[in-house]
Full PDB file with SEQRES, HELIX, SHEET, SSBOND, CRYST1, ORIGX, SCALE, CONECT and MASTER records, all heavy atoms in Angstrom:
SEQRES   1 A   36  ALA ALA LYS ARG ALA ARG ARG TRP PRO SER THR VAL ALA          
SEQRES   2 A   36  GLY VAL VAL TRP GLY VAL TRP TYR GLU LEU SER VAL ALA          
SEQRES   3 A   36  ARG ARG LEU PRO PRO GLU LEU PHE VAL PRO                      
HELIX    1 AA1 ALA A    2  ALA A    5  1                                   4    
HELIX    2 AA2 VAL A   12  TRP A   20  1                                   9    
HELIX    3 AA3 PRO A   31  LEU A   33  5                                   3    
CRYST1    1.000    1.000    1.000  90.00  90.00  90.00 P 1           1          
ORIGX1      1.000000  0.000000  0.000000        0.00000                         
ORIGX2      0.000000  1.000000  0.000000        0.00000                         
ORIGX3      0.000000  0.000000  1.000000        0.00000                         
SCALE1      1.000000  0.000000  0.000000        0.00000                         
SCALE2      0.000000  1.000000  0.000000        0.00000                         
SCALE3      0.000000  0.000000  1.000000        0.00000                         
ATOM      1  N   ALA A   1      -1.991   2.621   1.840  1.00  0.00           N  
ATOM      2  CA  ALA A   1      -1.672   1.723   0.759  1.00  0.00           C  
ATOM      3  C   ALA A   1      -0.354   2.101   0.068  1.00  0.00           C  
ATOM      4  O   ALA A   1       0.506   1.286  -0.135  1.00  0.00           O  
ATOM      5  CB  ALA A   1      -2.774   1.784  -0.325  1.00  0.00           C  
ATOM      6  N   ALA A   2      -0.178   3.444  -0.226  1.00  0.00           N  
ATOM      7  CA  ALA A   2       0.966   3.792  -0.875  1.00  0.00           C  
ATOM      8  C   ALA A   2       2.278   3.593   0.060  1.00  0.00           C  
ATOM      9  O   ALA A   2       3.256   3.178  -0.515  1.00  0.00           O  
ATOM     10  CB  ALA A   2       0.905   5.396  -1.189  1.00  0.00           C  
ATOM     11  N   LYS A   3       2.151   3.924   1.299  1.00  0.00           N  
ATOM     12  CA  LYS A   3       3.316   3.677   2.165  1.00  0.00           C  
ATOM     13  C   LYS A   3       3.697   2.216   2.257  1.00  0.00           C  
ATOM     14  O   LYS A   3       4.902   1.903   2.260  1.00  0.00           O  
ATOM     15  CB  LYS A   3       3.057   4.190   3.579  1.00  0.00           C  
ATOM     16  CG  LYS A   3       3.102   5.699   3.678  1.00  0.00           C  
ATOM     17  CD  LYS A   3       2.790   6.120   5.093  1.00  0.00           C  
ATOM     18  CE  LYS A   3       2.772   7.634   5.220  1.00  0.00           C  
ATOM     19  NZ  LYS A   3       2.408   8.134   6.551  1.00  0.00           N  
ATOM     20  N   ARG A   4       2.768   1.347   2.349  1.00  0.00           N  
ATOM     21  CA  ARG A   4       3.044  -0.100   2.547  1.00  0.00           C  
ATOM     22  C   ARG A   4       3.575  -0.724   1.237  1.00  0.00           C  
ATOM     23  O   ARG A   4       4.337  -1.646   1.259  1.00  0.00           O  
ATOM     24  CB  ARG A   4       1.802  -0.906   3.005  1.00  0.00           C  
ATOM     25  CG  ARG A   4       1.355  -0.472   4.422  1.00  0.00           C  
ATOM     26  CD  ARG A   4       2.443  -0.276   5.384  1.00  0.00           C  
ATOM     27  NE  ARG A   4       1.968   0.180   6.679  1.00  0.00           N  
ATOM     28  CZ  ARG A   4       1.869   1.430   7.044  1.00  0.00           C  
ATOM     29  NH1 ARG A   4       2.133   2.420   6.216  1.00  0.00           N  
ATOM     30  NH2 ARG A   4       1.451   1.825   8.233  1.00  0.00           N  
ATOM     31  N   ALA A   5       3.181  -0.220   0.079  1.00  0.00           N  
ATOM     32  CA  ALA A   5       3.578  -0.846  -1.142  1.00  0.00           C  
ATOM     33  C   ALA A   5       4.861  -0.238  -1.674  1.00  0.00           C  
ATOM     34  O   ALA A   5       5.549  -0.939  -2.520  1.00  0.00           O  
ATOM     35  CB  ALA A   5       2.390  -0.624  -2.187  1.00  0.00           C  
ATOM     36  N   ARG A   6       5.289   0.951  -1.344  1.00  0.00           N  
ATOM     37  CA  ARG A   6       6.461   1.438  -1.877  1.00  0.00           C  
ATOM     38  C   ARG A   6       7.799   0.795  -1.375  1.00  0.00           C  
ATOM     39  O   ARG A   6       7.748   0.391  -0.197  1.00  0.00           O  
ATOM     40  CB  ARG A   6       6.573   2.941  -1.762  1.00  0.00           C  
ATOM     41  CG  ARG A   6       6.876   3.441  -0.384  1.00  0.00           C  
ATOM     42  CD  ARG A   6       7.010   4.977  -0.264  1.00  0.00           C  
ATOM     43  NE  ARG A   6       7.152   5.345   1.069  1.00  0.00           N  
ATOM     44  CZ  ARG A   6       6.601   6.368   1.592  1.00  0.00           C  
ATOM     45  NH1 ARG A   6       5.766   7.088   0.966  1.00  0.00           N  
ATOM     46  NH2 ARG A   6       6.797   6.661   2.850  1.00  0.00           N  
ATOM     47  N   ARG A   7       8.731   0.662  -2.193  1.00  0.00           N  
ATOM     48  CA  ARG A   7       9.945  -0.013  -1.794  1.00  0.00           C  
ATOM     49  C   ARG A   7      10.993   0.927  -1.148  1.00  0.00           C  
ATOM     50  O   ARG A   7      11.801   0.536  -0.309  1.00  0.00           O  
ATOM     51  CB  ARG A   7      10.673  -0.674  -2.986  1.00  0.00           C  
ATOM     52  CG  ARG A   7       9.836  -1.869  -3.386  1.00  0.00           C  
ATOM     53  CD  ARG A   7      10.353  -2.568  -4.601  1.00  0.00           C  
ATOM     54  NE  ARG A   7      11.800  -2.751  -4.637  1.00  0.00           N  
ATOM     55  CZ  ARG A   7      12.471  -3.252  -5.651  1.00  0.00           C  
ATOM     56  NH1 ARG A   7      11.789  -3.642  -6.720  1.00  0.00           N  
ATOM     57  NH2 ARG A   7      13.736  -3.296  -5.619  1.00  0.00           N  
ATOM     58  N   TRP A   8      10.955   2.244  -1.517  1.00  0.00           N  
ATOM     59  CA  TRP A   8      11.880   3.178  -0.902  1.00  0.00           C  
ATOM     60  C   TRP A   8      11.325   4.570  -0.839  1.00  0.00           C  
ATOM     61  O   TRP A   8      10.726   4.991  -1.937  1.00  0.00           O  
ATOM     62  CB  TRP A   8      13.188   3.249  -1.721  1.00  0.00           C  
ATOM     63  CG  TRP A   8      14.300   4.045  -1.016  1.00  0.00           C  
ATOM     64  CD1 TRP A   8      14.510   5.370  -1.287  1.00  0.00           C  
ATOM     65  CD2 TRP A   8      15.150   3.563   0.012  1.00  0.00           C  
ATOM     66  NE1 TRP A   8      15.464   5.759  -0.427  1.00  0.00           N  
ATOM     67  CE2 TRP A   8      15.879   4.683   0.341  1.00  0.00           C  
ATOM     68  CE3 TRP A   8      15.295   2.415   0.659  1.00  0.00           C  
ATOM     69  CZ2 TRP A   8      16.835   4.639   1.346  1.00  0.00           C  
ATOM     70  CZ3 TRP A   8      16.242   2.368   1.652  1.00  0.00           C  
ATOM     71  CH2 TRP A   8      17.022   3.454   1.964  1.00  0.00           C  
ATOM     72  N   PRO A   9      11.308   5.322   0.177  1.00  0.00           N  
ATOM     73  CA  PRO A   9      11.645   4.772   1.510  1.00  0.00           C  
ATOM     74  C   PRO A   9      10.492   3.978   1.987  1.00  0.00           C  
ATOM     75  O   PRO A   9       9.307   4.240   1.667  1.00  0.00           O  
ATOM     76  CB  PRO A   9      11.776   6.101   2.385  1.00  0.00           C  
ATOM     77  CG  PRO A   9      10.943   7.127   1.712  1.00  0.00           C  
ATOM     78  CD  PRO A   9      10.912   6.773   0.248  1.00  0.00           C  
ATOM     79  N   SER A  10      10.837   2.960   2.768  1.00  0.00           N  
ATOM     80  CA  SER A  10       9.807   2.015   3.278  1.00  0.00           C  
ATOM     81  C   SER A  10       9.398   2.257   4.682  1.00  0.00           C  
ATOM     82  O   SER A  10       9.838   3.188   5.262  1.00  0.00           O  
ATOM     83  CB  SER A  10      10.376   0.617   3.061  1.00  0.00           C  
ATOM     84  OG  SER A  10       9.309  -0.325   3.158  1.00  0.00           O  
ATOM     85  N   THR A  11       8.600   1.359   5.142  1.00  0.00           N  
ATOM     86  CA  THR A  11       8.242   1.358   6.581  1.00  0.00           C  
ATOM     87  C   THR A  11       8.594   0.004   7.157  1.00  0.00           C  
ATOM     88  O   THR A  11       8.814  -0.947   6.451  1.00  0.00           O  
ATOM     89  CB  THR A  11       6.691   1.550   6.771  1.00  0.00           C  
ATOM     90  OG1 THR A  11       5.985   0.466   6.107  1.00  0.00           O  
ATOM     91  CG2 THR A  11       6.183   2.950   6.023  1.00  0.00           C  
ATOM     92  N   VAL A  12       8.499  -0.090   8.500  1.00  0.00           N  
ATOM     93  CA  VAL A  12       8.739  -1.393   9.164  1.00  0.00           C  
ATOM     94  C   VAL A  12       7.714  -2.455   8.613  1.00  0.00           C  
ATOM     95  O   VAL A  12       8.145  -3.477   8.223  1.00  0.00           O  
ATOM     96  CB  VAL A  12       8.609  -1.311  10.672  1.00  0.00           C  
ATOM     97  CG1 VAL A  12       8.636  -2.645  11.328  1.00  0.00           C  
ATOM     98  CG2 VAL A  12       9.773  -0.381  11.254  1.00  0.00           C  
ATOM     99  N   ALA A  13       6.446  -2.097   8.536  1.00  0.00           N  
ATOM    100  CA  ALA A  13       5.426  -3.040   8.127  1.00  0.00           C  
ATOM    101  C   ALA A  13       5.719  -3.412   6.642  1.00  0.00           C  
ATOM    102  O   ALA A  13       5.649  -4.602   6.259  1.00  0.00           O  
ATOM    103  CB  ALA A  13       4.084  -2.467   8.247  1.00  0.00           C  
ATOM    104  N   GLY A  14       5.988  -2.434   5.786  1.00  0.00           N  
ATOM    105  CA  GLY A  14       6.332  -2.685   4.386  1.00  0.00           C  
ATOM    106  C   GLY A  14       7.417  -3.687   4.193  1.00  0.00           C  
ATOM    107  O   GLY A  14       7.363  -4.574   3.363  1.00  0.00           O  
ATOM    108  N   VAL A  15       8.511  -3.482   5.002  1.00  0.00           N  
ATOM    109  CA  VAL A  15       9.684  -4.403   4.858  1.00  0.00           C  
ATOM    110  C   VAL A  15       9.380  -5.851   5.366  1.00  0.00           C  
ATOM    111  O   VAL A  15       9.571  -6.798   4.697  1.00  0.00           O  
ATOM    112  CB  VAL A  15      10.907  -3.877   5.648  1.00  0.00           C  
ATOM    113  CG1 VAL A  15      11.960  -4.855   5.745  1.00  0.00           C  
ATOM    114  CG2 VAL A  15      11.389  -2.520   4.976  1.00  0.00           C  
ATOM    115  N   VAL A  16       8.696  -5.900   6.538  1.00  0.00           N  
ATOM    116  CA  VAL A  16       8.472  -7.180   7.140  1.00  0.00           C  
ATOM    117  C   VAL A  16       7.361  -7.968   6.262  1.00  0.00           C  
ATOM    118  O   VAL A  16       7.603  -9.147   5.922  1.00  0.00           O  
ATOM    119  CB  VAL A  16       7.883  -7.044   8.608  1.00  0.00           C  
ATOM    120  CG1 VAL A  16       7.396  -8.365   9.152  1.00  0.00           C  
ATOM    121  CG2 VAL A  16       9.023  -6.497   9.456  1.00  0.00           C  
ATOM    122  N   TRP A  17       6.326  -7.295   5.865  1.00  0.00           N  
ATOM    123  CA  TRP A  17       5.264  -7.904   5.061  1.00  0.00           C  
ATOM    124  C   TRP A  17       5.799  -8.321   3.671  1.00  0.00           C  
ATOM    125  O   TRP A  17       5.460  -9.307   3.063  1.00  0.00           O  
ATOM    126  CB  TRP A  17       4.039  -7.076   4.939  1.00  0.00           C  
ATOM    127  CG  TRP A  17       3.373  -6.631   6.198  1.00  0.00           C  
ATOM    128  CD1 TRP A  17       3.608  -7.228   7.388  1.00  0.00           C  
ATOM    129  CD2 TRP A  17       2.425  -5.668   6.367  1.00  0.00           C  
ATOM    130  NE1 TRP A  17       2.817  -6.658   8.351  1.00  0.00           N  
ATOM    131  CE2 TRP A  17       2.090  -5.678   7.809  1.00  0.00           C  
ATOM    132  CE3 TRP A  17       1.836  -4.734   5.526  1.00  0.00           C  
ATOM    133  CZ2 TRP A  17       1.188  -4.750   8.304  1.00  0.00           C  
ATOM    134  CZ3 TRP A  17       0.930  -3.878   6.054  1.00  0.00           C  
ATOM    135  CH2 TRP A  17       0.594  -3.858   7.459  1.00  0.00           C  
ATOM    136  N   GLY A  18       6.787  -7.470   3.198  1.00  0.00           N  
ATOM    137  CA  GLY A  18       7.357  -7.682   1.896  1.00  0.00           C  
ATOM    138  C   GLY A  18       8.221  -8.927   1.734  1.00  0.00           C  
ATOM    139  O   GLY A  18       8.429  -9.463   0.674  1.00  0.00           O  
ATOM    140  N   VAL A  19       8.563  -9.469   2.902  1.00  0.00           N  
ATOM    141  CA  VAL A  19       9.325 -10.716   2.910  1.00  0.00           C  
ATOM    142  C   VAL A  19       8.437 -11.902   2.483  1.00  0.00           C  
ATOM    143  O   VAL A  19       8.909 -12.819   1.832  1.00  0.00           O  
ATOM    144  CB  VAL A  19       9.911 -10.996   4.313  1.00  0.00           C  
ATOM    145  CG1 VAL A  19      10.524 -12.439   4.495  1.00  0.00           C  
ATOM    146  CG2 VAL A  19      11.053 -10.038   4.608  1.00  0.00           C  
ATOM    147  N   TRP A  20       7.131 -11.801   2.852  1.00  0.00           N  
ATOM    148  CA  TRP A  20       6.194 -12.919   2.608  1.00  0.00           C  
ATOM    149  C   TRP A  20       5.328 -12.673   1.389  1.00  0.00           C  
ATOM    150  O   TRP A  20       4.793 -13.601   0.730  1.00  0.00           O  
ATOM    151  CB  TRP A  20       5.288 -13.176   3.773  1.00  0.00           C  
ATOM    152  CG  TRP A  20       5.981 -13.007   5.129  1.00  0.00           C  
ATOM    153  CD1 TRP A  20       5.704 -12.088   6.089  1.00  0.00           C  
ATOM    154  CD2 TRP A  20       7.125 -13.700   5.619  1.00  0.00           C  
ATOM    155  NE1 TRP A  20       6.552 -12.234   7.149  1.00  0.00           N  
ATOM    156  CE2 TRP A  20       7.426 -13.208   6.855  1.00  0.00           C  
ATOM    157  CE3 TRP A  20       7.871 -14.773   5.070  1.00  0.00           C  
ATOM    158  CZ2 TRP A  20       8.538 -13.760   7.622  1.00  0.00           C  
ATOM    159  CZ3 TRP A  20       8.918 -15.292   5.863  1.00  0.00           C  
ATOM    160  CH2 TRP A  20       9.281 -14.809   7.071  1.00  0.00           C  
ATOM    161  N   TYR A  21       5.076 -11.345   1.064  1.00  0.00           N  
ATOM    162  CA  TYR A  21       4.130 -10.978   0.066  1.00  0.00           C  
ATOM    163  C   TYR A  21       4.703  -9.920  -0.906  1.00  0.00           C  
ATOM    164  O   TYR A  21       5.418  -9.108  -0.531  1.00  0.00           O  
ATOM    165  CB  TYR A  21       2.805 -10.394   0.688  1.00  0.00           C  
ATOM    166  CG  TYR A  21       2.047 -11.295   1.586  1.00  0.00           C  
ATOM    167  CD1 TYR A  21       2.350 -11.385   2.895  1.00  0.00           C  
ATOM    168  CD2 TYR A  21       1.126 -12.181   1.030  1.00  0.00           C  
ATOM    169  CE1 TYR A  21       1.760 -12.304   3.699  1.00  0.00           C  
ATOM    170  CE2 TYR A  21       0.480 -13.076   1.848  1.00  0.00           C  
ATOM    171  CZ  TYR A  21       0.820 -13.127   3.219  1.00  0.00           C  
ATOM    172  OH  TYR A  21       0.131 -14.019   4.011  1.00  0.00           O  
ATOM    173  N   GLU A  22       4.234  -9.997  -2.156  1.00  0.00           N  
ATOM    174  CA  GLU A  22       4.509  -8.906  -3.128  1.00  0.00           C  
ATOM    175  C   GLU A  22       3.438  -7.936  -2.855  1.00  0.00           C  
ATOM    176  O   GLU A  22       2.192  -8.226  -2.846  1.00  0.00           O  
ATOM    177  CB  GLU A  22       4.317  -9.424  -4.554  1.00  0.00           C  
ATOM    178  CG  GLU A  22       5.342 -10.475  -5.004  1.00  0.00           C  
ATOM    179  CD  GLU A  22       6.610  -9.707  -5.392  1.00  0.00           C  
ATOM    180  OE1 GLU A  22       6.668  -8.520  -5.598  1.00  0.00           O  
ATOM    181  OE2 GLU A  22       7.591 -10.463  -5.563  1.00  0.00           O  
ATOM    182  N   LEU A  23       3.808  -6.692  -2.506  1.00  0.00           N  
ATOM    183  CA  LEU A  23       2.858  -5.629  -2.152  1.00  0.00           C  
ATOM    184  C   LEU A  23       2.771  -4.540  -3.279  1.00  0.00           C  
ATOM    185  O   LEU A  23       3.856  -4.186  -3.817  1.00  0.00           O  
ATOM    186  CB  LEU A  23       3.298  -4.903  -0.857  1.00  0.00           C  
ATOM    187  CG  LEU A  23       3.396  -5.763   0.377  1.00  0.00           C  
ATOM    188  CD1 LEU A  23       4.007  -5.089   1.530  1.00  0.00           C  
ATOM    189  CD2 LEU A  23       2.057  -6.294   0.751  1.00  0.00           C  
ATOM    190  N   SER A  24       1.497  -4.218  -3.704  1.00  0.00           N  
ATOM    191  CA  SER A  24       1.355  -3.116  -4.720  1.00  0.00           C  
ATOM    192  C   SER A  24       0.026  -2.418  -4.505  1.00  0.00           C  
ATOM    193  O   SER A  24      -0.757  -2.914  -3.688  1.00  0.00           O  
ATOM    194  CB  SER A  24       1.408  -3.904  -6.078  1.00  0.00           C  
ATOM    195  OG  SER A  24       0.245  -4.767  -6.205  1.00  0.00           O  
ATOM    196  N   VAL A  25      -0.040  -1.368  -5.160  1.00  0.00           N  
ATOM    197  CA  VAL A  25      -1.332  -0.609  -5.100  1.00  0.00           C  
ATOM    198  C   VAL A  25      -2.051  -0.970  -6.521  1.00  0.00           C  
ATOM    199  O   VAL A  25      -1.486  -0.553  -7.545  1.00  0.00           O  
ATOM    200  CB  VAL A  25      -1.049   0.914  -4.911  1.00  0.00           C  
ATOM    201  CG1 VAL A  25      -2.448   1.657  -5.020  1.00  0.00           C  
ATOM    202  CG2 VAL A  25      -0.479   1.203  -3.614  1.00  0.00           C  
ATOM    203  N   ALA A  26      -3.146  -1.555  -6.448  1.00  0.00           N  
ATOM    204  CA  ALA A  26      -3.894  -1.919  -7.570  1.00  0.00           C  
ATOM    205  C   ALA A  26      -4.652  -0.702  -8.253  1.00  0.00           C  
ATOM    206  O   ALA A  26      -4.738  -0.641  -9.490  1.00  0.00           O  
ATOM    207  CB  ALA A  26      -4.896  -3.012  -7.240  1.00  0.00           C  
ATOM    208  N   ARG A  27      -5.110   0.204  -7.417  1.00  0.00           N  
ATOM    209  CA  ARG A  27      -5.783   1.410  -7.912  1.00  0.00           C  
ATOM    210  C   ARG A  27      -6.043   2.409  -6.822  1.00  0.00           C  
ATOM    211  O   ARG A  27      -6.102   2.129  -5.721  1.00  0.00           O  
ATOM    212  CB  ARG A  27      -7.095   0.989  -8.654  1.00  0.00           C  
ATOM    213  CG  ARG A  27      -8.149   0.516  -7.751  1.00  0.00           C  
ATOM    214  CD  ARG A  27      -9.455   0.278  -8.450  1.00  0.00           C  
ATOM    215  NE  ARG A  27      -9.274  -0.057  -9.790  1.00  0.00           N  
ATOM    216  CZ  ARG A  27     -10.203  -0.533 -10.535  1.00  0.00           C  
ATOM    217  NH1 ARG A  27     -11.459  -0.673 -10.143  1.00  0.00           N  
ATOM    218  NH2 ARG A  27      -9.993  -0.786 -11.852  1.00  0.00           N  
ATOM    219  N   ARG A  28      -6.250   3.627  -7.249  1.00  0.00           N  
ATOM    220  CA  ARG A  28      -6.600   4.686  -6.361  1.00  0.00           C  
ATOM    221  C   ARG A  28      -8.152   4.941  -6.544  1.00  0.00           C  
ATOM    222  O   ARG A  28      -8.696   4.792  -7.639  1.00  0.00           O  
ATOM    223  CB  ARG A  28      -5.938   6.013  -6.781  1.00  0.00           C  
ATOM    224  CG  ARG A  28      -6.100   7.159  -5.900  1.00  0.00           C  
ATOM    225  CD  ARG A  28      -5.452   8.413  -6.347  1.00  0.00           C  
ATOM    226  NE  ARG A  28      -5.744   9.606  -5.688  1.00  0.00           N  
ATOM    227  CZ  ARG A  28      -5.065  10.091  -4.596  1.00  0.00           C  
ATOM    228  NH1 ARG A  28      -3.882   9.410  -4.240  1.00  0.00           N  
ATOM    229  NH2 ARG A  28      -5.408  11.086  -3.951  1.00  0.00           N  
ATOM    230  N   LEU A  29      -8.815   5.092  -5.344  1.00  0.00           N  
ATOM    231  CA  LEU A  29     -10.297   5.311  -5.431  1.00  0.00           C  
ATOM    232  C   LEU A  29     -10.601   6.671  -4.865  1.00  0.00           C  
ATOM    233  O   LEU A  29     -10.376   6.876  -3.652  1.00  0.00           O  
ATOM    234  CB  LEU A  29     -10.960   4.248  -4.603  1.00  0.00           C  
ATOM    235  CG  LEU A  29     -10.608   2.770  -4.986  1.00  0.00           C  
ATOM    236  CD1 LEU A  29     -11.081   1.771  -3.951  1.00  0.00           C  
ATOM    237  CD2 LEU A  29     -11.318   2.453  -6.391  1.00  0.00           C  
ATOM    238  N   PRO A  30     -11.155   7.552  -5.658  1.00  0.00           N  
ATOM    239  CA  PRO A  30     -11.479   8.864  -5.137  1.00  0.00           C  
ATOM    240  C   PRO A  30     -12.625   8.901  -4.074  1.00  0.00           C  
ATOM    241  O   PRO A  30     -13.413   7.934  -4.115  1.00  0.00           O  
ATOM    242  CB  PRO A  30     -11.890   9.724  -6.415  1.00  0.00           C  
ATOM    243  CG  PRO A  30     -12.206   8.715  -7.384  1.00  0.00           C  
ATOM    244  CD  PRO A  30     -11.470   7.421  -7.077  1.00  0.00           C  
ATOM    245  N   PRO A  31     -12.646   9.816  -3.152  1.00  0.00           N  
ATOM    246  CA  PRO A  31     -13.655   9.867  -2.117  1.00  0.00           C  
ATOM    247  C   PRO A  31     -15.125   9.799  -2.625  1.00  0.00           C  
ATOM    248  O   PRO A  31     -16.042   9.173  -1.992  1.00  0.00           O  
ATOM    249  CB  PRO A  31     -13.457  11.228  -1.385  1.00  0.00           C  
ATOM    250  CG  PRO A  31     -12.038  11.516  -1.703  1.00  0.00           C  
ATOM    251  CD  PRO A  31     -11.752  11.003  -3.054  1.00  0.00           C  
ATOM    252  N   GLU A  32     -15.361  10.369  -3.778  1.00  0.00           N  
ATOM    253  CA  GLU A  32     -16.790  10.438  -4.374  1.00  0.00           C  
ATOM    254  C   GLU A  32     -17.322   9.113  -4.684  1.00  0.00           C  
ATOM    255  O   GLU A  32     -18.568   8.928  -4.872  1.00  0.00           O  
ATOM    256  CB  GLU A  32     -16.862  11.447  -5.389  1.00  0.00           C  
ATOM    257  CG  GLU A  32     -16.013  11.177  -6.687  1.00  0.00           C  
ATOM    258  CD  GLU A  32     -14.712  11.886  -6.555  1.00  0.00           C  
ATOM    259  OE1 GLU A  32     -14.315  12.419  -5.495  1.00  0.00           O  
ATOM    260  OE2 GLU A  32     -13.999  11.931  -7.585  1.00  0.00           O  
ATOM    261  N   LEU A  33     -16.482   8.029  -4.673  1.00  0.00           N  
ATOM    262  CA  LEU A  33     -17.058   6.669  -4.985  1.00  0.00           C  
ATOM    263  C   LEU A  33     -17.690   6.080  -3.741  1.00  0.00           C  
ATOM    264  O   LEU A  33     -18.321   5.035  -3.863  1.00  0.00           O  
ATOM    265  CB  LEU A  33     -15.911   5.816  -5.415  1.00  0.00           C  
ATOM    266  CG  LEU A  33     -15.280   6.137  -6.805  1.00  0.00           C  
ATOM    267  CD1 LEU A  33     -14.133   5.161  -7.085  1.00  0.00           C  
ATOM    268  CD2 LEU A  33     -16.332   6.154  -7.919  1.00  0.00           C  
ATOM    269  N   PHE A  34     -17.606   6.695  -2.602  1.00  0.00           N  
ATOM    270  CA  PHE A  34     -18.018   6.069  -1.340  1.00  0.00           C  
ATOM    271  C   PHE A  34     -19.258   6.898  -0.710  1.00  0.00           C  
ATOM    272  O   PHE A  34     -19.466   7.989  -0.885  1.00  0.00           O  
ATOM    273  CB  PHE A  34     -16.916   6.083  -0.318  1.00  0.00           C  
ATOM    274  CG  PHE A  34     -15.822   5.264  -0.666  1.00  0.00           C  
ATOM    275  CD1 PHE A  34     -14.658   5.767  -1.494  1.00  0.00           C  
ATOM    276  CD2 PHE A  34     -15.679   3.922  -0.353  1.00  0.00           C  
ATOM    277  CE1 PHE A  34     -13.654   5.022  -1.836  1.00  0.00           C  
ATOM    278  CE2 PHE A  34     -14.585   3.110  -0.716  1.00  0.00           C  
ATOM    279  CZ  PHE A  34     -13.605   3.749  -1.492  1.00  0.00           C  
ATOM    280  N   VAL A  35     -20.103   6.044  -0.114  1.00  0.00           N  
ATOM    281  CA  VAL A  35     -21.218   6.661   0.691  1.00  0.00           C  
ATOM    282  C   VAL A  35     -21.163   5.998   1.996  1.00  0.00           C  
ATOM    283  O   VAL A  35     -21.304   4.733   2.116  1.00  0.00           O  
ATOM    284  CB  VAL A  35     -22.530   6.382  -0.005  1.00  0.00           C  
ATOM    285  CG1 VAL A  35     -23.687   6.877   0.842  1.00  0.00           C  
ATOM    286  CG2 VAL A  35     -22.613   6.988  -1.441  1.00  0.00           C  
ATOM    287  N   PRO A  36     -21.068   6.700   3.068  1.00  0.00           N  
ATOM    288  CA  PRO A  36     -20.731   8.112   3.166  1.00  0.00           C  
ATOM    289  C   PRO A  36     -19.326   8.495   2.606  1.00  0.00           C  
ATOM    290  O   PRO A  36     -18.467   7.537   2.677  1.00  0.00           O  
ATOM    291  CB  PRO A  36     -20.868   8.526   4.578  1.00  0.00           C  
ATOM    292  CG  PRO A  36     -20.643   7.230   5.349  1.00  0.00           C  
ATOM    293  CD  PRO A  36     -21.013   6.163   4.496  1.00  0.00           C  
TER     294      PRO A  36                                                      
MASTER        0    0    0    3    0    0    0    6  293    1    0    3          
END                                                                             
């Protein structure tokens, strides 16, 4: 999530997807919220 949403330095996917979509990270979720 962090790599795809950041503007610099970016990734190929982040640049290409960013042409069509505004990308952001809405929130971080710690591991203890999940089962397993």
